[in-house]
Amino acid sequence: MSRIQSVFYNNLGVNRQVYDAALQCFQNRGRSFSVTGSVQPAELAGEVLNEHPEIFYVGQQFRVMSGLMRKDVLPEYAYSPTETVDIRNQLEKEAERIIGEQINDHQSDYDKIRALHDYLKGNLEYDTFAASGGRPGDRNAFEAHSIVGALLRKKCVCEGFAKSFKFLCDKIGLECWVVTGKGSSSIGSGPHAWNIVRINGYYHHVDVTWDNQYSDSLTIPNYGYMNLSDDEISKDHTWNRKNYPACPSSPYNYFRVNNALIDSKVQLESMLYNSFEVEEEIIMFRVVRGSTLEREINGCIQESIYRAVSRCKYITISNFRFGGVSEQLTFYVQPQYMYK
């Protein structure tokens, strides 16, 4: 797509030329670029590489030589020029395959975002070894942070998920940004990366990594972190908001689009009953934050399922499973229908 200037780039003001110099250096495998003023070399390099995931061959380490008036940044390259060309060709071929299978002209932008989200969530494995630091010089651990690990090895960390999502969105002309910040969950907290996408003029957060990690199964959809507002994702994510587009609302949140926002036990039971009657394989819903159901959901979901099952006259359910992402109040029910 034609280049859209990022919020970070626009905020640089007179220092935009430093960004341009860094980008040109990386694209041409240059030896160095200069940083002046208050620009921080590490932050600048990180944002340039986040906004251009196709530049996968720049190493994670940078040497900085400080002078009186400027700093010279010397990047390292992880692959030889020949290797870079070969890997780039593999990435282009794989991206073409994924897009050919997942995207078509009849889909809305929302449908395309959901298709790419589902593909990455269901086909990539989170690389826990790389996330812990890996071994020094381990190429697989390095690649886990890029589109190489994500699209060619199908194994990556959050940075690989986020960069591959942007890489594919760029290919089909959807505005998408990689966000870096911090994620905090019941397991722990630390540096994290996810995305912001634009759908019909509205910006939304998408965290494919957490939908992948929180999922009970790769085959069960999980949309707890797809298309959230700033307020919704800030429950467990923090980031420098001045560097990214604002997401004040979430009209294209999965549960809002699919009328699956539930605020009472009565509504929950009715929704489950109606879903069972048409033999839906997986039923997903989100509890409205601040509702009475938020306080009751953990203790009543199983009871609501049984009550909905008991109302079914022509459908027999022999078993069921349920789960979800309590942090985002999203849940699923997977019934097992008995056919005569």
Protein backbone atom coordinates (compact mmCIF):
# COMPACT_ATOMS: atom_id res chain seq x y z
CA MET A 1 0.00 0.00 0.00
CA SER A 2 1.07 3.60 -0.33
CA ARG A 3 3.07 4.73 2.70
CA ILE A 4 1.02 6.18 5.54
CA GLN A 5 3.13 8.18 7.95
CA SER A 6 3.05 6.77 11.46
CA VAL A 7 2.22 8.77 14.58
CA PHE A 8 5.78 8.10 15.78
CA TYR A 9 7.21 9.49 12.52
CA ASN A 10 5.04 12.60 12.65
CA ASN A 11 5.97 13.20 16.29
CA LEU A 12 9.65 13.34 15.34
CA GLY A 13 9.11 16.76 13.77
CA VAL A 14 12.45 18.16 12.58
CA ASN A 15 14.09 14.81 13.40
CA ARG A 16 12.15 12.93 10.70
CA GLN A 17 15.28 13.00 8.58
CA VAL A 18 16.92 10.73 11.17
CA TYR A 19 14.15 8.16 10.67
CA ASP A 20 14.53 8.42 6.90
CA ALA A 21 18.30 7.93 7.21
CA ALA A 22 17.85 4.83 9.39
CA LEU A 23 15.30 3.34 7.00
CA GLN A 24 17.54 3.96 3.99
CA CYS A 25 20.50 2.45 5.84
CA PHE A 26 18.57 -0.74 6.67
CA GLN A 27 17.09 -1.08 3.19
CA ASN A 28 20.50 -0.72 1.54
CA ARG A 29 22.41 -2.72 4.16
CA GLY A 30 24.38 0.40 4.95
CA ARG A 31 27.22 0.61 7.46
CA SER A 32 25.80 3.36 9.67
CA PHE A 33 23.37 6.23 10.15
CA SER A 34 23.59 9.27 12.37
CA VAL A 35 21.27 10.27 15.20
CA THR A 36 21.08 13.85 16.42
CA GLY A 37 19.04 15.76 18.95
CA SER A 38 17.00 13.94 21.57
CA VAL A 39 16.24 10.88 19.43
CA GLN A 40 17.05 7.61 21.22
CA PRO A 41 18.84 5.19 18.83
CA ALA A 42 17.27 2.00 20.21
CA GLU A 43 13.73 3.38 20.16
CA LEU A 44 14.18 4.78 16.66
CA ALA A 45 15.61 1.56 15.24
CA GLY A 46 12.87 -0.49 16.90
CA GLU A 47 10.08 1.65 15.45
CA VAL A 48 11.62 1.62 11.95
CA LEU A 49 11.84 -2.19 12.00
CA ASN A 50 8.33 -2.53 13.45
CA GLU A 51 6.91 -0.37 10.69
CA HIS A 52 8.86 -2.31 8.05
CA PRO A 53 8.69 -6.01 8.99
CA GLU A 54 10.03 -6.88 5.54
CA ILE A 55 13.43 -5.73 6.85
CA PHE A 56 13.93 -9.02 8.67
CA TYR A 57 17.69 -9.24 8.18
CA VAL A 58 18.81 -6.54 10.62
CA GLY A 59 20.25 -7.98 13.82
CA GLN A 60 19.02 -7.13 17.30
CA GLN A 61 22.28 -5.53 18.41
CA PHE A 62 23.49 -2.05 17.39
CA ARG A 63 26.82 -0.44 18.11
CA VAL A 64 26.59 3.24 18.95
CA MET A 65 29.59 5.54 18.60
CA SER A 66 29.02 8.82 20.41
CA GLY A 67 30.53 12.07 19.22
CA LEU A 68 30.27 15.67 20.39
CA MET A 69 27.24 16.59 18.24
CA ARG A 70 25.82 13.24 17.10
CA LYS A 71 25.74 9.49 17.56
CA ASP A 72 26.60 7.06 14.77
CA VAL A 73 24.58 3.83 14.85
CA LEU A 74 26.20 0.76 13.25
CA PRO A 75 23.71 -2.06 12.59
CA GLU A 76 24.61 -5.72 12.27
CA TYR A 77 23.07 -7.96 9.61
CA ALA A 78 21.98 -11.49 10.45
CA TYR A 79 22.26 -12.91 6.94
CA SER A 80 24.55 -12.54 3.96
CA PRO A 81 23.15 -10.71 0.91
CA THR A 82 22.61 -14.05 -0.84
CA GLU A 83 20.81 -15.56 2.15
CA THR A 84 18.67 -12.44 2.45
CA VAL A 85 17.48 -12.71 -1.16
CA ASP A 86 16.70 -16.41 -0.75
CA ILE A 87 14.74 -15.90 2.48
CA ARG A 88 12.90 -12.91 1.03
CA ASN A 89 11.76 -15.05 -1.91
CA GLN A 90 10.54 -17.74 0.49
CA LEU A 91 8.63 -15.16 2.53
CA GLU A 92 6.99 -13.67 -0.56
CA LYS A 93 5.93 -17.12 -1.73
CA GLU A 94 4.52 -18.03 1.68
CA ALA A 95 2.67 -14.72 2.02
CA GLU A 96 1.18 -15.24 -1.44
CA ARG A 97 0.02 -18.72 -0.42
CA ILE A 98 -1.57 -17.55 2.83
CA ILE A 99 -3.33 -14.61 1.22
CA GLY A 100 -4.51 -16.79 -1.66
CA GLU A 101 -6.08 -19.24 0.78
CA GLN A 102 -7.46 -16.79 3.34
CA ILE A 103 -8.40 -13.60 1.49
CA ASN A 104 -10.83 -12.89 -1.35
CA ASP A 105 -12.45 -9.86 -2.98
CA HIS A 106 -15.83 -10.54 -1.38
CA GLN A 107 -14.58 -10.05 2.18
CA SER A 108 -14.99 -6.83 4.13
CA ASP A 109 -11.95 -5.36 5.90
CA TYR A 110 -13.30 -6.86 9.13
CA ASP A 111 -13.50 -10.29 7.48
CA LYS A 112 -9.91 -9.98 6.24
CA ILE A 113 -8.61 -9.02 9.68
CA ARG A 114 -10.45 -11.95 11.22
CA ALA A 115 -9.13 -14.37 8.57
CA LEU A 116 -5.50 -13.35 9.12
CA HIS A 117 -6.00 -13.40 12.91
CA ASP A 118 -7.44 -16.92 12.73
CA TYR A 119 -4.69 -18.20 10.45
CA LEU A 120 -1.86 -16.93 12.64
CA LYS A 121 -3.61 -17.93 15.87
CA GLY A 122 -4.22 -21.45 14.60
CA ASN A 123 -1.00 -22.16 12.73
CA LEU A 124 1.80 -20.59 14.78
CA GLU A 125 3.37 -21.94 17.96
CA TYR A 126 4.59 -19.63 20.70
CA ASP A 127 8.34 -20.12 21.15
CA THR A 128 8.82 -20.28 24.91
CA PHE A 129 12.54 -21.07 24.56
CA ALA A 130 13.18 -17.94 22.48
CA ALA A 131 11.03 -15.90 24.87
CA SER A 132 13.33 -16.92 27.73
CA GLY A 133 16.33 -15.62 25.81
CA GLY A 134 17.44 -18.74 23.98
CA ARG A 135 21.14 -19.46 23.54
CA PRO A 136 23.59 -16.70 22.52
CA GLY A 137 23.91 -16.70 18.75
CA ASP A 138 20.99 -19.08 18.26
CA ARG A 139 19.53 -18.20 14.85
CA ASN A 140 16.15 -19.77 15.63
CA ALA A 141 15.83 -17.60 18.74
CA PHE A 142 16.65 -14.52 16.67
CA GLU A 143 14.22 -15.49 13.92
CA ALA A 144 11.44 -15.98 16.47
CA HIS A 145 11.31 -12.18 16.72
CA SER A 146 10.71 -11.70 12.98
CA ILE A 147 8.49 -12.74 10.10
CA VAL A 148 11.01 -15.48 9.33
CA GLY A 149 10.20 -17.43 12.48
CA ALA A 150 6.49 -16.73 12.16
CA LEU A 151 5.88 -17.46 8.48
CA LEU A 152 8.63 -19.95 7.62
CA ARG A 153 9.21 -21.87 10.87
CA LYS A 154 5.68 -21.31 12.26
CA LYS A 155 7.23 -20.69 15.67
CA CYS A 156 7.79 -17.26 17.17
CA VAL A 157 7.35 -14.87 20.09
CA CYS A 158 4.96 -11.93 20.31
CA GLU A 159 7.14 -9.75 18.07
CA GLY A 160 6.98 -12.39 15.34
CA PHE A 161 3.19 -12.64 15.63
CA ALA A 162 2.79 -8.86 15.45
CA LYS A 163 5.25 -8.31 12.59
CA SER A 164 3.79 -11.12 10.49
CA PHE A 165 0.27 -9.77 11.03
CA LYS A 166 1.41 -6.35 9.80
CA PHE A 167 3.39 -7.89 6.93
CA LEU A 168 0.28 -9.68 5.65
CA CYS A 169 -1.96 -6.65 6.23
CA ASP A 170 0.47 -4.50 4.24
CA LYS A 171 0.24 -6.99 1.37
CA ILE A 172 -3.54 -6.61 1.11
CA GLY A 173 -3.67 -2.86 1.68
CA LEU A 174 -4.94 -2.71 5.27
CA GLU A 175 -3.48 -0.10 7.62
CA CYS A 176 -1.76 -1.87 10.50
CA TRP A 177 0.87 -0.95 13.09
CA VAL A 178 3.06 -2.91 15.48
CA VAL A 179 2.67 -1.68 19.06
CA THR A 180 5.37 -2.27 21.66
CA GLY A 181 4.67 -1.98 25.35
CA LYS A 182 4.09 -4.24 28.31
CA GLY A 183 1.67 -7.06 28.97
CA SER A 184 0.58 -8.10 32.45
CA SER A 185 -1.31 -11.30 33.18
CA SER A 186 -1.87 -13.71 36.05
CA ILE A 187 1.22 -15.58 34.83
CA GLY A 188 3.56 -12.59 34.85
CA SER A 189 4.42 -9.36 33.07
CA GLY A 190 7.05 -8.12 30.66
CA PRO A 191 7.76 -6.50 27.27
CA HIS A 192 5.11 -7.27 24.70
CA ALA A 193 4.13 -6.53 21.09
CA TRP A 194 0.74 -6.51 19.37
CA ASN A 195 -1.07 -4.57 16.62
CA ILE A 196 -3.41 -1.69 15.89
CA VAL A 197 -5.53 -2.01 12.74
CA ARG A 198 -7.85 0.38 10.94
CA ILE A 199 -11.29 -0.86 9.88
CA ASN A 200 -13.56 1.59 8.07
CA GLY A 201 -11.93 4.55 9.79
CA TYR A 202 -11.89 3.04 13.29
CA TYR A 203 -8.69 1.90 14.97
CA HIS A 204 -8.69 -1.28 17.08
CA HIS A 205 -6.09 -3.27 19.03
CA VAL A 206 -5.42 -6.87 17.97
CA ASP A 207 -3.25 -9.20 20.05
CA VAL A 208 -2.91 -12.48 18.16
CA THR A 209 -0.25 -13.74 20.57
CA TRP A 210 -2.54 -13.69 23.58
CA ASP A 211 -5.44 -15.18 21.64
CA ASN A 212 -3.03 -17.96 20.70
CA GLN A 213 -1.62 -18.47 24.19
CA TYR A 214 -4.92 -18.22 26.06
CA SER A 215 -6.69 -20.62 23.72
CA ASP A 216 -7.63 -24.05 25.09
CA SER A 217 -7.01 -25.53 21.64
CA LEU A 218 -5.67 -24.37 18.29
CA THR A 219 -8.93 -25.57 16.74
CA ILE A 220 -11.16 -23.49 19.03
CA PRO A 221 -11.54 -19.84 17.96
CA ASN A 222 -10.54 -17.22 20.48
CA TYR A 223 -11.35 -13.53 20.02
CA GLY A 224 -10.68 -12.17 23.49
CA TYR A 225 -8.05 -9.78 22.11
CA MET A 226 -9.34 -9.06 18.60
CA ASN A 227 -10.47 -5.50 17.89
CA LEU A 228 -10.40 -3.84 21.31
CA SER A 229 -10.51 -0.18 22.29
CA ASP A 230 -7.78 1.54 24.31
CA ASP A 231 -9.83 1.17 27.49
CA GLU A 232 -10.58 -2.51 26.87
CA ILE A 233 -7.01 -3.61 26.22
CA SER A 234 -5.52 -1.37 28.91
CA LYS A 235 -6.84 -3.83 31.52
CA ASP A 236 -3.63 -5.81 30.94
CA HIS A 237 -1.61 -3.88 28.33
CA THR A 238 0.33 -0.62 28.67
CA TRP A 239 2.05 1.35 25.90
CA ASN A 240 3.26 4.83 25.01
CA ARG A 241 0.00 6.14 23.59
CA LYS A 242 1.55 9.20 22.00
CA ASN A 243 3.36 6.95 19.48
CA TYR A 244 0.26 5.22 18.08
CA PRO A 245 -3.25 5.95 16.75
CA ALA A 246 -5.93 6.31 19.43
CA CYS A 247 -8.58 3.59 19.66
CA PRO A 248 -11.43 5.31 21.53
CA SER A 249 -14.10 2.73 20.64
CA SER A 250 -14.42 -0.80 19.24
CA PRO A 251 -17.36 -1.01 16.83
CA TYR A 252 -15.72 -3.97 15.07
CA ASN A 253 -15.08 -6.04 18.15
CA TYR A 254 -15.96 -9.66 17.33
CA PHE A 255 -18.60 -9.96 20.04
CA ARG A 256 -20.22 -6.63 19.17
CA VAL A 257 -20.38 -7.52 15.46
CA ASN A 258 -21.93 -10.90 16.26
CA ASN A 259 -24.41 -9.63 18.89
CA ALA A 260 -22.73 -11.78 21.54
CA LEU A 261 -22.46 -9.24 24.37
CA ILE A 262 -24.30 -10.73 27.37
CA ASP A 263 -25.23 -8.87 30.56
CA SER A 264 -27.56 -11.21 32.51
CA LYS A 265 -28.14 -14.89 33.29
CA VAL A 266 -31.50 -14.74 31.52
CA GLN A 267 -29.87 -13.42 28.35
CA LEU A 268 -27.09 -16.01 28.60
CA GLU A 269 -29.49 -18.93 28.94
CA SER A 270 -31.61 -17.67 26.05
CA MET A 271 -28.57 -17.24 23.80
CA LEU A 272 -27.31 -20.73 24.63
CA TYR A 273 -30.72 -22.30 24.03
CA ASN A 274 -31.10 -20.58 20.64
CA SER A 275 -27.59 -21.67 19.67
CA PHE A 276 -28.21 -25.28 20.68
CA GLU A 277 -31.44 -25.35 18.69
CA VAL A 278 -29.54 -24.61 15.46
CA GLU A 279 -26.73 -26.96 16.50
CA GLU A 280 -23.91 -24.43 16.61
CA GLU A 281 -20.61 -26.24 17.10
CA ILE A 282 -18.91 -23.53 19.17
CA ILE A 283 -20.81 -20.74 20.95
CA MET A 284 -18.82 -17.67 21.98
CA PHE A 285 -19.89 -14.68 24.02
CA ARG A 286 -18.51 -11.80 26.04
CA VAL A 287 -19.85 -10.63 29.37
CA VAL A 288 -20.49 -6.90 29.56
CA ARG A 289 -18.03 -5.35 32.00
CA GLY A 290 -19.81 -3.76 34.97
CA SER A 291 -22.95 -5.88 34.54
CA THR A 292 -24.43 -8.11 37.23
CA LEU A 293 -23.36 -11.10 35.14
CA GLU A 294 -19.69 -10.12 35.50
CA ARG A 295 -19.96 -10.84 39.23
CA GLU A 296 -21.89 -14.08 38.70
CA ILE A 297 -20.41 -15.64 35.55
CA ASN A 298 -17.83 -17.94 37.14
CA GLY A 299 -20.42 -19.50 39.37
CA CYS A 300 -23.35 -19.67 36.96
CA ILE A 301 -22.04 -20.60 33.52
CA GLN A 302 -22.33 -24.36 34.02
CA GLU A 303 -25.81 -24.00 35.53
CA SER A 304 -26.90 -21.82 32.59
CA ILE A 305 -25.68 -24.45 30.14
CA TYR A 306 -27.64 -27.20 31.91
CA ARG A 307 -30.78 -25.05 32.00
CA ALA A 308 -30.49 -24.26 28.29
CA VAL A 309 -29.93 -27.95 27.48
CA SER A 310 -33.03 -28.94 29.48
CA ARG A 311 -35.17 -26.63 27.34
CA CYS A 312 -34.19 -28.35 24.09
CA LYS A 313 -36.99 -30.68 22.91
CA TYR A 314 -35.60 -31.94 19.63
CA ILE A 315 -31.85 -31.65 20.23
CA THR A 316 -29.90 -33.99 22.50
CA ILE A 317 -26.56 -32.86 23.93
CA SER A 318 -24.53 -35.70 25.41
CA ASN A 319 -21.65 -33.62 26.72
CA PHE A 320 -20.07 -30.19 26.55
CA ARG A 321 -16.95 -28.25 27.44
CA PHE A 322 -16.49 -24.58 28.18
CA GLY A 323 -13.67 -22.15 28.85
CA GLY A 324 -12.50 -18.66 27.99
CA VAL A 325 -10.35 -15.66 28.81
CA SER A 326 -11.48 -14.35 32.18
CA GLU A 327 -9.32 -11.22 31.83
CA GLN A 328 -11.42 -10.13 28.85
CA LEU A 329 -14.65 -11.80 30.08
CA THR A 330 -14.89 -13.89 26.91
CA PHE A 331 -16.14 -17.47 27.01
CA TYR A 332 -16.97 -20.39 24.73
CA VAL A 333 -19.23 -23.42 24.98
CA GLN A 334 -18.62 -26.47 22.81
CA PRO A 335 -21.59 -28.88 22.90
CA GLN A 336 -21.46 -32.47 21.71
CA TYR A 337 -24.69 -33.30 19.91
CA MET A 338 -26.12 -36.81 19.85
CA TYR A 339 -27.55 -37.86 16.52
CA LYS A 340 -29.97 -40.77 16.15
